[in-house]
mmCIF file of all heavy atoms, coordinates in Angstrom:
data_MODEL
# 
_entry.id   MODEL 
# 
loop_
_atom_site.group_PDB 
_atom_site.id 
_atom_site.type_symbol 
_atom_site.label_atom_id 
_atom_site.label_alt_id 
_atom_site.label_comp_id 
_atom_site.label_asym_id 
_atom_site.label_entity_id 
_atom_site.label_seq_id 
_atom_site.pdbx_PDB_ins_code 
_atom_site.Cartn_x 
_atom_site.Cartn_y 
_atom_site.Cartn_z 
_atom_site.occupancy 
_atom_site.B_iso_or_equiv 
_atom_site.pdbx_formal_charge 
_atom_site.auth_seq_id 
_atom_site.auth_comp_id 
_atom_site.auth_asym_id 
_atom_site.auth_atom_id 
_atom_site.pdbx_PDB_model_num 
ATOM 1   N N   . ALA A 1 1  ? 31.136 28.951 17.756 1.00 0.00 ? 1  ALA A N   1 
ATOM 2   C CA  . ALA A 1 1  ? 31.084 28.077 18.932 1.00 0.00 ? 1  ALA A CA  1 
ATOM 3   C C   . ALA A 1 1  ? 31.804 26.758 18.641 1.00 0.00 ? 1  ALA A C   1 
ATOM 4   O O   . ALA A 1 1  ? 31.773 26.246 17.523 1.00 0.00 ? 1  ALA A O   1 
ATOM 5   C CB  . ALA A 1 1  ? 29.629 27.808 19.311 1.00 0.00 ? 1  ALA A CB  1 
ATOM 6   N N   . ASN A 1 2  ? 32.481 26.254 19.651 1.00 0.00 ? 2  ASN A N   1 
ATOM 7   C CA  . ASN A 1 2  ? 33.185 24.967 19.570 1.00 0.00 ? 2  ASN A CA  1 
ATOM 8   C C   . ASN A 1 2  ? 34.357 24.980 18.582 1.00 0.00 ? 2  ASN A C   1 
ATOM 9   O O   . ASN A 1 2  ? 34.794 23.936 18.111 1.00 0.00 ? 2  ASN A O   1 
ATOM 10  C CB  . ASN A 1 2  ? 32.212 23.839 19.187 1.00 0.00 ? 2  ASN A CB  1 
ATOM 11  C CG  . ASN A 1 2  ? 31.061 23.722 20.160 1.00 0.00 ? 2  ASN A CG  1 
ATOM 12  O OD1 . ASN A 1 2  ? 31.249 23.780 21.370 1.00 0.00 ? 2  ASN A OD1 1 
ATOM 13  N ND2 . ASN A 1 2  ? 29.847 23.565 19.633 1.00 0.00 ? 2  ASN A ND2 1 
ATOM 14  N N   . PHE A 1 3  ? 34.862 26.171 18.252 1.00 0.00 ? 3  PHE A N   1 
ATOM 15  C CA  . PHE A 1 3  ? 36.031 26.251 17.365 1.00 0.00 ? 3  PHE A CA  1 
ATOM 16  C C   . PHE A 1 3  ? 37.225 25.573 18.021 1.00 0.00 ? 3  PHE A C   1 
ATOM 17  O O   . PHE A 1 3  ? 37.565 25.852 19.168 1.00 0.00 ? 3  PHE A O   1 
ATOM 18  C CB  . PHE A 1 3  ? 36.362 27.716 17.069 1.00 0.00 ? 3  PHE A CB  1 
ATOM 19  C CG  . PHE A 1 3  ? 37.713 27.904 16.420 1.00 0.00 ? 3  PHE A CG  1 
ATOM 20  C CD1 . PHE A 1 3  ? 37.891 27.605 15.077 1.00 0.00 ? 3  PHE A CD1 1 
ATOM 21  C CD2 . PHE A 1 3  ? 38.797 28.361 17.154 1.00 0.00 ? 3  PHE A CD2 1 
ATOM 22  C CE1 . PHE A 1 3  ? 39.134 27.777 14.482 1.00 0.00 ? 3  PHE A CE1 1 
ATOM 23  C CE2 . PHE A 1 3  ? 40.036 28.528 16.565 1.00 0.00 ? 3  PHE A CE2 1 
ATOM 24  C CZ  . PHE A 1 3  ? 40.201 28.233 15.222 1.00 0.00 ? 3  PHE A CZ  1 
ATOM 25  N N   . ASP A 1 4  ? 37.851 24.669 17.293 1.00 0.00 ? 4  ASP A N   1 
ATOM 26  C CA  . ASP A 1 4  ? 39.059 24.001 17.767 1.00 0.00 ? 4  ASP A CA  1 
ATOM 27  C C   . ASP A 1 4  ? 39.921 23.714 16.546 1.00 0.00 ? 4  ASP A C   1 
ATOM 28  O O   . ASP A 1 4  ? 39.598 22.846 15.724 1.00 0.00 ? 4  ASP A O   1 
ATOM 29  C CB  . ASP A 1 4  ? 38.715 22.700 18.499 1.00 0.00 ? 4  ASP A CB  1 
ATOM 30  C CG  . ASP A 1 4  ? 39.933 22.071 19.168 1.00 0.00 ? 4  ASP A CG  1 
ATOM 31  O OD1 . ASP A 1 4  ? 41.071 22.464 18.819 1.00 0.00 ? 4  ASP A OD1 1 
ATOM 32  O OD2 . ASP A 1 4  ? 39.751 21.198 20.038 1.00 0.00 ? 4  ASP A OD2 1 
ATOM 33  N N   . ILE A 1 5  ? 41.010 24.435 16.436 1.00 0.00 ? 5  ILE A N   1 
ATOM 34  C CA  . ILE A 1 5  ? 41.833 24.354 15.229 1.00 0.00 ? 5  ILE A CA  1 
ATOM 35  C C   . ILE A 1 5  ? 42.464 22.973 15.064 1.00 0.00 ? 5  ILE A C   1 
ATOM 36  O O   . ILE A 1 5  ? 42.786 22.554 13.939 1.00 0.00 ? 5  ILE A O   1 
ATOM 37  C CB  . ILE A 1 5  ? 42.908 25.466 15.256 1.00 0.00 ? 5  ILE A CB  1 
ATOM 38  C CG1 . ILE A 1 5  ? 43.348 25.811 13.831 1.00 0.00 ? 5  ILE A CG1 1 
ATOM 39  C CG2 . ILE A 1 5  ? 44.097 25.086 16.119 1.00 0.00 ? 5  ILE A CG2 1 
ATOM 40  C CD1 . ILE A 1 5  ? 44.066 27.118 13.712 1.00 0.00 ? 5  ILE A CD1 1 
ATOM 41  N N   . LYS A 1 6  ? 42.608 22.245 16.149 1.00 0.00 ? 6  LYS A N   1 
ATOM 42  C CA  . LYS A 1 6  ? 43.219 20.913 16.057 1.00 0.00 ? 6  LYS A CA  1 
ATOM 43  C C   . LYS A 1 6  ? 42.386 19.971 15.198 1.00 0.00 ? 6  LYS A C   1 
ATOM 44  O O   . LYS A 1 6  ? 42.915 19.000 14.650 1.00 0.00 ? 6  LYS A O   1 
ATOM 45  C CB  . LYS A 1 6  ? 43.412 20.325 17.461 1.00 0.00 ? 6  LYS A CB  1 
ATOM 46  C CG  . LYS A 1 6  ? 44.394 21.072 18.342 1.00 0.00 ? 6  LYS A CG  1 
ATOM 47  C CD  . LYS A 1 6  ? 44.752 20.290 19.577 1.00 0.00 ? 6  LYS A CD  1 
ATOM 48  C CE  . LYS A 1 6  ? 43.569 20.088 20.509 1.00 0.00 ? 6  LYS A CE  1 
ATOM 49  N NZ  . LYS A 1 6  ? 43.091 21.349 21.112 1.00 0.00 ? 6  LYS A NZ  1 
ATOM 50  N N   . ASN A 1 7  ? 41.103 20.269 15.072 1.00 0.00 ? 7  ASN A N   1 
ATOM 51  C CA  . ASN A 1 7  ? 40.233 19.408 14.265 1.00 0.00 ? 7  ASN A CA  1 
ATOM 52  C C   . ASN A 1 7  ? 40.591 19.422 12.780 1.00 0.00 ? 7  ASN A C   1 
ATOM 53  O O   . ASN A 1 7  ? 40.143 18.561 12.026 1.00 0.00 ? 7  ASN A O   1 
ATOM 54  C CB  . ASN A 1 7  ? 38.771 19.844 14.427 1.00 0.00 ? 7  ASN A CB  1 
ATOM 55  C CG  . ASN A 1 7  ? 38.255 19.616 15.839 1.00 0.00 ? 7  ASN A CG  1 
ATOM 56  O OD1 . ASN A 1 7  ? 38.775 18.761 16.561 1.00 0.00 ? 7  ASN A OD1 1 
ATOM 57  N ND2 . ASN A 1 7  ? 37.250 20.381 16.244 1.00 0.00 ? 7  ASN A ND2 1 
ATOM 58  N N   . TYR A 1 8  ? 41.391 20.390 12.375 1.00 0.00 ? 8  TYR A N   1 
ATOM 59  C CA  . TYR A 1 8  ? 41.701 20.529 10.954 1.00 0.00 ? 8  TYR A CA  1 
ATOM 60  C C   . TYR A 1 8  ? 43.128 20.096 10.616 1.00 0.00 ? 8  TYR A C   1 
ATOM 61  O O   . TYR A 1 8  ? 43.513 20.095 9.444  1.00 0.00 ? 8  TYR A O   1 
ATOM 62  C CB  . TYR A 1 8  ? 41.502 21.995 10.531 1.00 0.00 ? 8  TYR A CB  1 
ATOM 63  C CG  . TYR A 1 8  ? 40.103 22.491 10.783 1.00 0.00 ? 8  TYR A CG  1 
ATOM 64  C CD1 . TYR A 1 8  ? 39.773 23.122 11.983 1.00 0.00 ? 8  TYR A CD1 1 
ATOM 65  C CD2 . TYR A 1 8  ? 39.097 22.317 9.844  1.00 0.00 ? 8  TYR A CD2 1 
ATOM 66  C CE1 . TYR A 1 8  ? 38.480 23.560 12.243 1.00 0.00 ? 8  TYR A CE1 1 
ATOM 67  C CE2 . TYR A 1 8  ? 37.798 22.751 10.087 1.00 0.00 ? 8  TYR A CE2 1 
ATOM 68  C CZ  . TYR A 1 8  ? 37.504 23.375 11.287 1.00 0.00 ? 8  TYR A CZ  1 
ATOM 69  O OH  . TYR A 1 8  ? 36.216 23.807 11.532 1.00 0.00 ? 8  TYR A OH  1 
ATOM 70  N N   . ALA A 1 9  ? 43.896 19.732 11.622 1.00 0.00 ? 9  ALA A N   1 
ATOM 71  C CA  . ALA A 1 9  ? 45.320 19.454 11.417 1.00 0.00 ? 9  ALA A CA  1 
ATOM 72  C C   . ALA A 1 9  ? 45.571 18.380 10.370 1.00 0.00 ? 9  ALA A C   1 
ATOM 73  O O   . ALA A 1 9  ? 46.508 18.476 9.569  1.00 0.00 ? 9  ALA A O   1 
ATOM 74  C CB  . ALA A 1 9  ? 45.970 19.069 12.738 1.00 0.00 ? 9  ALA A CB  1 
ATOM 75  N N   . SER A 1 10 ? 44.746 17.333 10.353 1.00 0.00 ? 10 SER A N   1 
ATOM 76  C CA  . SER A 1 10 ? 44.976 16.229 9.415  1.00 0.00 ? 10 SER A CA  1 
ATOM 77  C C   . SER A 1 10 ? 44.284 16.440 8.067  1.00 0.00 ? 10 SER A C   1 
ATOM 78  O O   . SER A 1 10 ? 44.426 15.620 7.162  1.00 0.00 ? 10 SER A O   1 
ATOM 79  C CB  . SER A 1 10 ? 44.489 14.913 10.040 1.00 0.00 ? 10 SER A CB  1 
ATOM 80  O OG  . SER A 1 10 ? 43.089 14.974 10.277 1.00 0.00 ? 10 SER A OG  1 
ATOM 81  N N   . ARG A 1 11 ? 43.573 17.550 7.936  1.00 0.00 ? 11 ARG A N   1 
ATOM 82  C CA  . ARG A 1 11 ? 42.763 17.772 6.730  1.00 0.00 ? 11 ARG A CA  1 
ATOM 83  C C   . ARG A 1 11 ? 43.320 18.822 5.790  1.00 0.00 ? 11 ARG A C   1 
ATOM 84  O O   . ARG A 1 11 ? 42.825 18.961 4.663  1.00 0.00 ? 11 ARG A O   1 
ATOM 85  C CB  . ARG A 1 11 ? 41.337 18.183 7.150  1.00 0.00 ? 11 ARG A CB  1 
ATOM 86  C CG  . ARG A 1 11 ? 40.611 17.146 7.976  1.00 0.00 ? 11 ARG A CG  1 
ATOM 87  C CD  . ARG A 1 11 ? 39.354 17.715 8.608  1.00 0.00 ? 11 ARG A CD  1 
ATOM 88  N NE  . ARG A 1 11 ? 38.455 18.305 7.617  1.00 0.00 ? 11 ARG A NE  1 
ATOM 89  C CZ  . ARG A 1 11 ? 37.389 19.037 7.926  1.00 0.00 ? 11 ARG A CZ  1 
ATOM 90  N NH1 . ARG A 1 11 ? 37.097 19.271 9.196  1.00 0.00 ? 11 ARG A NH1 1 
ATOM 91  N NH2 . ARG A 1 11 ? 36.634 19.540 6.979  1.00 0.00 ? 11 ARG A NH2 1 
ATOM 92  N N   . VAL A 1 12 ? 44.342 19.580 6.248  1.00 0.00 ? 12 VAL A N   1 
ATOM 93  C CA  . VAL A 1 12 ? 44.830 20.698 5.436  1.00 0.00 ? 12 VAL A CA  1 
ATOM 94  C C   . VAL A 1 12 ? 46.344 20.625 5.242  1.00 0.00 ? 12 VAL A C   1 
ATOM 95  O O   . VAL A 1 12 ? 47.060 19.989 6.019  1.00 0.00 ? 12 VAL A O   1 
ATOM 96  C CB  . VAL A 1 12 ? 44.453 22.053 6.076  1.00 0.00 ? 12 VAL A CB  1 
ATOM 97  C CG1 . VAL A 1 12 ? 42.938 22.175 6.211  1.00 0.00 ? 12 VAL A CG1 1 
ATOM 98  C CG2 . VAL A 1 12 ? 45.134 22.241 7.428  1.00 0.00 ? 12 VAL A CG2 1 
ATOM 99  N N   . ASP A 1 13 ? 46.794 21.294 4.179  1.00 0.00 ? 13 ASP A N   1 
ATOM 100 C CA  . ASP A 1 13 ? 48.230 21.365 3.906  1.00 0.00 ? 13 ASP A CA  1 
ATOM 101 C C   . ASP A 1 13 ? 48.874 22.588 4.555  1.00 0.00 ? 13 ASP A C   1 
ATOM 102 O O   . ASP A 1 13 ? 50.062 22.570 4.888  1.00 0.00 ? 13 ASP A O   1 
ATOM 103 C CB  . ASP A 1 13 ? 48.470 21.419 2.390  1.00 0.00 ? 13 ASP A CB  1 
ATOM 104 C CG  . ASP A 1 13 ? 47.987 20.160 1.701  1.00 0.00 ? 13 ASP A CG  1 
ATOM 105 O OD1 . ASP A 1 13 ? 48.522 19.088 2.019  1.00 0.00 ? 13 ASP A OD1 1 
ATOM 106 O OD2 . ASP A 1 13 ? 47.074 20.248 0.853  1.00 0.00 ? 13 ASP A OD2 1 
ATOM 107 N N   . ALA A 1 14 ? 48.106 23.651 4.689  1.00 0.00 ? 14 ALA A N   1 
ATOM 108 C CA  . ALA A 1 14 ? 48.636 24.893 5.249  1.00 0.00 ? 14 ALA A CA  1 
ATOM 109 C C   . ALA A 1 14 ? 47.472 25.801 5.628  1.00 0.00 ? 14 ALA A C   1 
ATOM 110 O O   . ALA A 1 14 ? 46.325 25.570 5.223  1.00 0.00 ? 14 ALA A O   1 
ATOM 111 C CB  . ALA A 1 14 ? 49.546 25.600 4.249  1.00 0.00 ? 14 ALA A CB  1 
ATOM 112 N N   . ALA A 1 15 ? 47.795 26.838 6.404  1.00 0.00 ? 15 ALA A N   1 
ATOM 113 C CA  . ALA A 1 15 ? 46.792 27.830 6.787  1.00 0.00 ? 15 ALA A CA  1 
ATOM 114 C C   . ALA A 1 15 ? 47.151 29.184 6.209  1.00 0.00 ? 15 ALA A C   1 
ATOM 115 O O   . ALA A 1 15 ? 48.333 29.514 6.027  1.00 0.00 ? 15 ALA A O   1 
ATOM 116 C CB  . ALA A 1 15 ? 46.690 27.927 8.305  1.00 0.00 ? 15 ALA A CB  1 
ATOM 117 N N   . LEU A 1 16 ? 46.125 29.962 5.935  1.00 0.00 ? 16 LEU A N   1 
ATOM 118 C CA  . LEU A 1 16 ? 46.326 31.347 5.532  1.00 0.00 ? 16 LEU A CA  1 
ATOM 119 C C   . LEU A 1 16 ? 45.448 32.215 6.439  1.00 0.00 ? 16 LEU A C   1 
ATOM 120 O O   . LEU A 1 16 ? 44.240 32.006 6.526  1.00 0.00 ? 16 LEU A O   1 
ATOM 121 C CB  . LEU A 1 16 ? 45.949 31.551 4.063  1.00 0.00 ? 16 LEU A CB  1 
ATOM 122 C CG  . LEU A 1 16 ? 46.669 32.709 3.353  1.00 0.00 ? 16 LEU A CG  1 
ATOM 123 C CD1 . LEU A 1 16 ? 46.633 32.518 1.847  1.00 0.00 ? 16 LEU A CD1 1 
ATOM 124 C CD2 . LEU A 1 16 ? 46.119 34.055 3.730  1.00 0.00 ? 16 LEU A CD2 1 
ATOM 125 N N   . ILE A 1 17 ? 46.095 33.150 7.124  1.00 0.00 ? 17 ILE A N   1 
ATOM 126 C CA  . ILE A 1 17 ? 45.401 33.961 8.129  1.00 0.00 ? 17 ILE A CA  1 
ATOM 127 C C   . ILE A 1 17 ? 44.938 35.277 7.521  1.00 0.00 ? 17 ILE A C   1 
ATOM 128 O O   . ILE A 1 17 ? 45.749 36.047 7.004  1.00 0.00 ? 17 ILE A O   1 
ATOM 129 C CB  . ILE A 1 17 ? 46.318 34.246 9.333  1.00 0.00 ? 17 ILE A CB  1 
ATOM 130 C CG1 . ILE A 1 17 ? 46.910 32.943 9.889  1.00 0.00 ? 17 ILE A CG1 1 
ATOM 131 C CG2 . ILE A 1 17 ? 45.568 34.994 10.415 1.00 0.00 ? 17 ILE A CG2 1 
ATOM 132 C CD1 . ILE A 1 17 ? 48.033 33.158 10.889 1.00 0.00 ? 17 ILE A CD1 1 
ATOM 133 N N   . ALA A 1 18 ? 43.631 35.525 7.588  1.00 0.00 ? 18 ALA A N   1 
ATOM 134 C CA  . ALA A 1 18 ? 43.077 36.811 7.156  1.00 0.00 ? 18 ALA A CA  1 
ATOM 135 C C   . ALA A 1 18 ? 42.351 37.465 8.324  1.00 0.00 ? 18 ALA A C   1 
ATOM 136 O O   . ALA A 1 18 ? 41.352 38.151 8.149  1.00 0.00 ? 18 ALA A O   1 
ATOM 137 C CB  . ALA A 1 18 ? 42.137 36.616 5.966  1.00 0.00 ? 18 ALA A CB  1 
ATOM 138 N N   . LEU A 1 19 ? 42.874 37.227 9.526  1.00 0.00 ? 19 LEU A N   1 
ATOM 139 C CA  . LEU A 1 19 ? 42.291 37.795 10.744 1.00 0.00 ? 19 LEU A CA  1 
ATOM 140 C C   . LEU A 1 19 ? 43.007 39.092 11.087 1.00 0.00 ? 19 LEU A C   1 
ATOM 141 O O   . LEU A 1 19 ? 44.236 39.140 11.106 1.00 0.00 ? 19 LEU A O   1 
ATOM 142 C CB  . LEU A 1 19 ? 42.435 36.820 11.912 1.00 0.00 ? 19 LEU A CB  1 
ATOM 143 C CG  . LEU A 1 19 ? 41.635 35.524 11.839 1.00 0.00 ? 19 LEU A CG  1 
ATOM 144 C CD1 . LEU A 1 19 ? 42.152 34.538 12.882 1.00 0.00 ? 19 LEU A CD1 1 
ATOM 145 C CD2 . LEU A 1 19 ? 40.150 35.792 12.045 1.00 0.00 ? 19 LEU A CD2 1 
ATOM 146 N N   . HIS A 1 20 ? 42.246 40.136 11.371 1.00 0.00 ? 20 HIS A N   1 
ATOM 147 C CA  . HIS A 1 20 ? 42.826 41.414 11.764 1.00 0.00 ? 20 HIS A CA  1 
ATOM 148 C C   . HIS A 1 20 ? 42.426 41.730 13.197 1.00 0.00 ? 20 HIS A C   1 
ATOM 149 O O   . HIS A 1 20 ? 41.350 41.337 13.662 1.00 0.00 ? 20 HIS A O   1 
ATOM 150 C CB  . HIS A 1 20 ? 42.347 42.533 10.832 1.00 0.00 ? 20 HIS A CB  1 
ATOM 151 C CG  . HIS A 1 20 ? 42.517 42.204 9.378  1.00 0.00 ? 20 HIS A CG  1 
ATOM 152 N ND1 . HIS A 1 20 ? 43.713 41.776 8.851  1.00 0.00 ? 20 HIS A ND1 1 
ATOM 153 C CD2 . HIS A 1 20 ? 41.639 42.237 8.345  1.00 0.00 ? 20 HIS A CD2 1 
ATOM 154 C CE1 . HIS A 1 20 ? 43.564 41.558 7.549  1.00 0.00 ? 20 HIS A CE1 1 
ATOM 155 N NE2 . HIS A 1 20 ? 42.310 41.832 7.220  1.00 0.00 ? 20 HIS A NE2 1 
ATOM 156 N N   . GLY A 1 21 ? 43.286 42.450 13.887 1.00 0.00 ? 21 GLY A N   1 
ATOM 157 C CA  . GLY A 1 21 ? 42.963 42.836 15.254 1.00 0.00 ? 21 GLY A CA  1 
ATOM 158 C C   . GLY A 1 21 ? 43.295 41.748 16.258 1.00 0.00 ? 21 GLY A C   1 
ATOM 159 O O   . GLY A 1 21 ? 44.017 40.783 15.968 1.00 0.00 ? 21 GLY A O   1 
ATOM 160 N N   . ALA A 1 22 ? 42.753 41.903 17.472 1.00 0.00 ? 22 ALA A N   1 
ATOM 161 C CA  . ALA A 1 22 ? 43.020 40.958 18.549 1.00 0.00 ? 22 ALA A CA  1 
ATOM 162 C C   . ALA A 1 22 ? 42.587 39.551 18.155 1.00 0.00 ? 22 ALA A C   1 
ATOM 163 O O   . ALA A 1 22 ? 41.550 39.355 17.553 1.00 0.00 ? 22 ALA A O   1 
ATOM 164 C CB  . ALA A 1 22 ? 42.288 41.398 19.815 1.00 0.00 ? 22 ALA A CB  1 
ATOM 165 N N   . GLY A 1 23 ? 43.430 38.585 18.493 1.00 0.00 ? 23 GLY A N   1 
ATOM 166 C CA  . GLY A 1 23 ? 43.153 37.199 18.144 1.00 0.00 ? 23 GLY A CA  1 
ATOM 167 C C   . GLY A 1 23 ? 43.783 36.784 16.836 1.00 0.00 ? 23 GLY A C   1 
ATOM 168 O O   . GLY A 1 23 ? 44.011 35.594 16.591 1.00 0.00 ? 23 GLY A O   1 
ATOM 169 N N   . GLY A 1 24 ? 44.070 37.766 15.967 1.00 0.00 ? 24 GLY A N   1 
ATOM 170 C CA  . GLY A 1 24 ? 44.656 37.458 14.675 1.00 0.00 ? 24 GLY A CA  1 
ATOM 171 C C   . GLY A 1 24 ? 46.055 37.999 14.502 1.00 0.00 ? 24 GLY A C   1 
ATOM 172 O O   . GLY A 1 24 ? 46.949 37.309 14.025 1.00 0.00 ? 24 GLY A O   1 
ATOM 173 N N   . GLU A 1 25 ? 46.266 39.255 14.925 1.00 0.00 ? 25 GLU A N   1 
ATOM 174 C CA  . GLU A 1 25 ? 47.564 39.895 14.727 1.00 0.00 ? 25 GLU A CA  1 
ATOM 175 C C   . GLU A 1 25 ? 48.425 39.899 15.983 1.00 0.00 ? 25 GLU A C   1 
ATOM 176 O O   . GLU A 1 25 ? 49.563 40.354 15.941 1.00 0.00 ? 25 GLU A O   1 
ATOM 177 C CB  . GLU A 1 25 ? 47.367 41.331 14.248 1.00 0.00 ? 25 GLU A CB  1 
ATOM 178 C CG  . GLU A 1 25 ? 46.784 41.429 12.838 1.00 0.00 ? 25 GLU A CG  1 
ATOM 179 C CD  . GLU A 1 25 ? 46.658 42.862 12.366 1.00 0.00 ? 25 GLU A CD  1 
ATOM 180 O OE1 . GLU A 1 25 ? 47.678 43.436 11.957 1.00 0.00 ? 25 GLU A OE1 1 
ATOM 181 O OE2 . GLU A 1 25 ? 45.539 43.405 12.397 1.00 0.00 ? 25 GLU A OE2 1 
ATOM 182 N N   . ASP A 1 26 ? 47.897 39.414 17.092 1.00 0.00 ? 26 ASP A N   1 
ATOM 183 C CA  . ASP A 1 26 ? 48.626 39.500 18.350 1.00 0.00 ? 26 ASP A CA  1 
ATOM 184 C C   . ASP A 1 26 ? 49.355 38.223 18.736 1.00 0.00 ? 26 ASP A C   1 
ATOM 185 O O   . ASP A 1 26 ? 49.915 38.116 19.822 1.00 0.00 ? 26 ASP A O   1 
ATOM 186 C CB  . ASP A 1 26 ? 47.673 39.910 19.481 1.00 0.00 ? 26 ASP A CB  1 
ATOM 187 C CG  . ASP A 1 26 ? 46.498 38.936 19.642 1.00 0.00 ? 26 ASP A CG  1 
ATOM 188 O OD1 . ASP A 1 26 ? 46.452 37.920 18.913 1.00 0.00 ? 26 ASP A OD1 1 
ATOM 189 O OD2 . ASP A 1 26 ? 45.616 39.207 20.489 1.00 0.00 ? 26 ASP A OD2 1 
ATOM 190 N N   . GLY A 1 27 ? 49.350 37.246 17.857 1.00 0.00 ? 27 GLY A N   1 
ATOM 191 C CA  . GLY A 1 27 ? 50.049 35.990 18.121 1.00 0.00 ? 27 GLY A CA  1 
ATOM 192 C C   . GLY A 1 27 ? 49.161 34.870 18.632 1.00 0.00 ? 27 GLY A C   1 
ATOM 193 O O   . GLY A 1 27 ? 49.608 33.725 18.737 1.00 0.00 ? 27 GLY A O   1 
# 
């Protein structure tokens, strides 16, 4: 709940995606 990726923009150097299926592999 309340997931918002923008909240992490200033806190990380890069992202690594380990999501499979819809929401992860579909763009």
